[in-house]
Amino acid sequence: MPHPPLEVIEAALEWCHQRDYDPGRDYQAVFVSKDDELNPPDEDRDLWHVFFYPEAMKKFVTDFFVWVVDPDTLEVTPH
């Protein structure tokens, strides 16, 4: 699995900070090509799925959250 471009991680982190989220330091990024089953059928872009594992999430039902980043536009979408 390739490492995400620094710009992708920076875009995801900036999105978090602008909304006063603390994503923590633990994350995993997965490249998802536009024809992959993980992308919605109407999606025609290659995307990075960035999974953050902040310590604070352990208090809730889930233990991670996902941001999807377009590597070309650096548009960030929470999932």
N, C-alpha and C. Protein backbone atom coordinates (compact mmCIF):
# COMPACT_ATOMS: atom_id res chain seq x y z
N MET A 1 0.84 -1.17 0.00
CA MET A 1 0.00 0.00 0.00
C MET A 1 0.90 1.24 0.00
N PRO A 2 0.68 2.16 -0.94
CA PRO A 2 1.53 3.35 -1.00
C PRO A 2 1.21 4.31 0.15
N HIS A 3 2.20 5.12 0.48
CA HIS A 3 1.98 6.15 1.49
C HIS A 3 1.26 7.32 0.85
N PRO A 4 0.38 7.98 1.60
CA PRO A 4 -0.34 9.12 1.01
C PRO A 4 0.59 10.30 0.80
N PRO A 5 0.32 11.11 -0.21
CA PRO A 5 1.10 12.34 -0.36
C PRO A 5 0.91 13.22 0.87
N LEU A 6 1.95 13.94 1.25
CA LEU A 6 1.88 14.81 2.42
C LEU A 6 0.72 15.80 2.31
N GLU A 7 0.43 16.26 1.10
CA GLU A 7 -0.65 17.22 0.90
C GLU A 7 -2.01 16.64 1.30
N VAL A 8 -2.19 15.35 1.08
CA VAL A 8 -3.46 14.69 1.43
C VAL A 8 -3.64 14.66 2.94
N ILE A 9 -2.60 14.29 3.66
CA ILE A 9 -2.68 14.26 5.13
C ILE A 9 -2.86 15.67 5.67
N GLU A 10 -2.12 16.63 5.13
CA GLU A 10 -2.25 18.01 5.58
C GLU A 10 -3.66 18.53 5.36
N ALA A 11 -4.29 18.20 4.23
CA ALA A 11 -5.66 18.63 3.97
C ALA A 11 -6.62 18.03 4.98
N ALA A 12 -6.46 16.75 5.28
CA ALA A 12 -7.33 16.10 6.26
C ALA A 12 -7.15 16.71 7.65
N LEU A 13 -5.90 16.95 8.04
CA LEU A 13 -5.63 17.54 9.35
C LEU A 13 -6.17 18.97 9.44
N GLU A 14 -6.01 19.74 8.37
CA GLU A 14 -6.51 21.11 8.37
C GLU A 14 -8.02 21.13 8.49
N TRP A 15 -8.69 20.20 7.81
CA TRP A 15 -10.15 20.10 7.89
C TRP A 15 -10.56 19.87 9.34
N CYS A 16 -9.84 18.99 10.03
CA CYS A 16 -10.12 18.71 11.44
C CYS A 16 -9.92 19.95 12.30
N HIS A 17 -8.79 20.59 12.14
CA HIS A 17 -8.46 21.74 12.98
C HIS A 17 -9.41 22.90 12.77
N GLN A 18 -9.89 23.10 11.55
CA GLN A 18 -10.84 24.18 11.28
C GLN A 18 -12.16 23.95 12.01
N ARG A 19 -12.44 22.70 12.34
CA ARG A 19 -13.70 22.36 13.03
C ARG A 19 -13.46 21.97 14.49
N ASP A 20 -12.30 22.31 14.99
CA ASP A 20 -11.93 22.04 16.39
C ASP A 20 -11.96 20.57 16.74
N TYR A 21 -11.66 19.69 15.77
CA TYR A 21 -11.49 18.28 16.05
C TYR A 21 -10.02 18.02 16.36
N ASP A 22 -9.78 17.11 17.26
CA ASP A 22 -8.41 16.69 17.52
C ASP A 22 -8.26 15.28 16.97
N PRO A 23 -7.68 15.12 15.78
CA PRO A 23 -7.60 13.80 15.18
C PRO A 23 -6.56 12.89 15.81
N GLY A 24 -5.72 13.43 16.67
CA GLY A 24 -4.66 12.62 17.25
C GLY A 24 -3.55 12.37 16.24
N ARG A 25 -2.66 11.47 16.60
CA ARG A 25 -1.50 11.21 15.75
C ARG A 25 -1.58 9.88 15.02
N ASP A 26 -2.55 9.06 15.37
CA ASP A 26 -2.64 7.72 14.76
C ASP A 26 -3.62 7.73 13.60
N TYR A 27 -3.14 7.36 12.44
CA TYR A 27 -4.01 7.28 11.27
C TYR A 27 -3.46 6.24 10.32
N GLN A 28 -4.32 5.83 9.42
CA GLN A 28 -3.92 4.96 8.32
C GLN A 28 -4.63 5.47 7.08
N ALA A 29 -3.92 5.58 5.98
CA ALA A 29 -4.49 6.08 4.74
C ALA A 29 -4.47 4.97 3.69
N VAL A 30 -5.57 4.84 2.97
CA VAL A 30 -5.71 3.80 1.96
C VAL A 30 -6.08 4.47 0.63
N PHE A 31 -5.32 4.18 -0.41
CA PHE A 31 -5.64 4.69 -1.74
C PHE A 31 -6.74 3.84 -2.34
N VAL A 32 -7.79 4.48 -2.84
CA VAL A 32 -8.93 3.77 -3.42
C VAL A 32 -9.14 4.31 -4.84
N SER A 33 -8.87 3.47 -5.82
CA SER A 33 -9.02 3.92 -7.21
C SER A 33 -10.50 4.05 -7.55
N LYS A 34 -10.78 4.82 -8.59
CA LYS A 34 -12.18 5.14 -8.93
C LYS A 34 -12.99 3.91 -9.29
N ASP A 35 -12.35 2.84 -9.72
CA ASP A 35 -13.11 1.64 -10.10
C ASP A 35 -13.17 0.61 -8.97
N ASP A 36 -12.69 0.98 -7.80
CA ASP A 36 -12.69 0.06 -6.66
C ASP A 36 -14.08 0.00 -6.04
N GLU A 37 -14.43 -1.16 -5.49
CA GLU A 37 -15.75 -1.33 -4.88
C GLU A 37 -15.94 -0.47 -3.63
N LEU A 38 -14.86 0.02 -3.02
CA LEU A 38 -14.99 0.88 -1.85
C LEU A 38 -15.45 2.29 -2.22
N ASN A 39 -15.30 2.68 -3.49
CA ASN A 39 -15.82 3.97 -3.93
C ASN A 39 -17.27 3.80 -4.36
N PRO A 40 -18.11 4.77 -4.07
CA PRO A 40 -19.52 4.68 -4.50
C PRO A 40 -19.61 4.53 -6.01
N PRO A 41 -20.67 3.92 -6.49
CA PRO A 41 -20.81 3.67 -7.94
C PRO A 41 -20.77 4.95 -8.78
N ASP A 42 -21.22 6.08 -8.20
CA ASP A 42 -21.25 7.32 -8.97
C ASP A 42 -19.94 8.11 -8.85
N GLU A 43 -18.97 7.55 -8.16
CA GLU A 43 -17.70 8.25 -7.96
C GLU A 43 -16.75 7.93 -9.11
N ASP A 44 -16.23 8.98 -9.75
CA ASP A 44 -15.32 8.76 -10.87
C ASP A 44 -13.93 9.33 -10.60
N ARG A 45 -13.56 9.40 -9.31
CA ARG A 45 -12.25 9.94 -8.93
C ARG A 45 -11.48 8.91 -8.11
N ASP A 46 -10.17 8.96 -8.20
CA ASP A 46 -9.32 8.23 -7.26
C ASP A 46 -9.35 9.02 -5.95
N LEU A 47 -9.46 8.33 -4.83
CA LEU A 47 -9.58 8.99 -3.54
C LEU A 47 -8.67 8.33 -2.50
N TRP A 48 -8.31 9.08 -1.48
CA TRP A 48 -7.63 8.53 -0.30
C TRP A 48 -8.64 8.48 0.83
N HIS A 49 -8.75 7.34 1.48
CA HIS A 49 -9.55 7.20 2.69
C HIS A 49 -8.58 7.26 3.87
N VAL A 50 -8.75 8.25 4.73
CA VAL A 50 -7.84 8.46 5.86
C VAL A 50 -8.59 8.10 7.13
N PHE A 51 -8.15 7.05 7.80
CA PHE A 51 -8.76 6.56 9.04
C PHE A 51 -7.97 7.12 10.21
N PHE A 52 -8.62 7.92 11.06
CA PHE A 52 -7.98 8.44 12.26
C PHE A 52 -8.43 7.61 13.45
N TYR A 53 -7.51 7.36 14.37
CA TYR A 53 -7.78 6.56 15.56
C TYR A 53 -7.46 7.37 16.81
N PRO A 54 -8.20 8.46 17.07
CA PRO A 54 -7.86 9.29 18.23
C PRO A 54 -8.22 8.60 19.55
N GLU A 55 -7.44 8.91 20.55
CA GLU A 55 -7.64 8.34 21.88
C GLU A 55 -9.04 8.62 22.40
N ALA A 56 -9.55 9.82 22.12
CA ALA A 56 -10.87 10.22 22.64
C ALA A 56 -12.00 9.35 22.11
N MET A 57 -11.83 8.76 20.92
CA MET A 57 -12.91 7.97 20.32
C MET A 57 -13.16 6.69 21.10
N LYS A 58 -12.21 6.26 21.92
CA LYS A 58 -12.38 5.01 22.66
C LYS A 58 -13.53 5.09 23.65
N LYS A 59 -13.98 6.31 23.95
CA LYS A 59 -15.10 6.49 24.89
C LYS A 59 -16.44 6.26 24.21
N PHE A 60 -16.44 6.18 22.89
CA PHE A 60 -17.68 6.08 22.14
C PHE A 60 -17.82 4.69 21.51
N VAL A 61 -18.88 4.51 20.74
CA VAL A 61 -19.16 3.20 20.15
C VAL A 61 -18.10 2.82 19.13
N THR A 62 -17.62 3.79 18.37
CA THR A 62 -16.62 3.50 17.35
C THR A 62 -15.25 3.94 17.83
N ASP A 63 -14.21 3.45 17.22
CA ASP A 63 -12.87 3.83 17.65
C ASP A 63 -12.06 4.46 16.52
N PHE A 64 -12.74 4.91 15.46
CA PHE A 64 -12.05 5.61 14.38
C PHE A 64 -13.07 6.44 13.60
N PHE A 65 -12.57 7.38 12.83
CA PHE A 65 -13.42 8.07 11.88
C PHE A 65 -12.66 8.21 10.57
N VAL A 66 -13.38 8.44 9.48
CA VAL A 66 -12.80 8.41 8.14
C VAL A 66 -13.03 9.73 7.43
N TRP A 67 -11.98 10.29 6.88
CA TRP A 67 -12.10 11.41 5.96
C TRP A 67 -11.69 10.89 4.59
N VAL A 68 -12.37 11.35 3.56
CA VAL A 68 -12.02 10.99 2.20
C VAL A 68 -11.46 12.22 1.52
N VAL A 69 -10.28 12.09 0.93
CA VAL A 69 -9.58 13.23 0.34
C VAL A 69 -9.33 12.97 -1.14
N ASP A 70 -9.73 13.93 -1.97
CA ASP A 70 -9.42 13.88 -3.39
C ASP A 70 -7.98 14.36 -3.56
N PRO A 71 -7.08 13.54 -4.11
CA PRO A 71 -5.68 13.93 -4.20
C PRO A 71 -5.43 15.05 -5.21
N ASP A 72 -6.36 15.29 -6.13
CA ASP A 72 -6.17 16.34 -7.13
C ASP A 72 -6.64 17.70 -6.62
N THR A 73 -7.82 17.73 -6.01
CA THR A 73 -8.38 19.01 -5.55
C THR A 73 -8.13 19.24 -4.06
N LEU A 74 -7.74 18.18 -3.32
CA LEU A 74 -7.57 18.19 -1.87
C LEU A 74 -8.88 18.50 -1.16
N GLU A 75 -10.01 18.23 -1.83
CA GLU A 75 -11.32 18.34 -1.20
C GLU A 75 -11.48 17.22 -0.17
N VAL A 76 -11.97 17.59 1.02
CA VAL A 76 -12.12 16.63 2.12
C VAL A 76 -13.59 16.41 2.39
N THR A 77 -13.98 15.15 2.52
CA THR A 77 -15.36 14.79 2.83
C THR A 77 -15.36 13.83 4.01
N PRO A 78 -16.11 14.15 5.09
CA PRO A 78 -16.19 13.19 6.20
C PRO A 78 -17.11 12.03 5.84
N HIS A 79 -16.75 10.86 6.34
CA HIS A 79 -17.60 9.67 6.14
C HIS A 79 -17.81 8.98 7.46
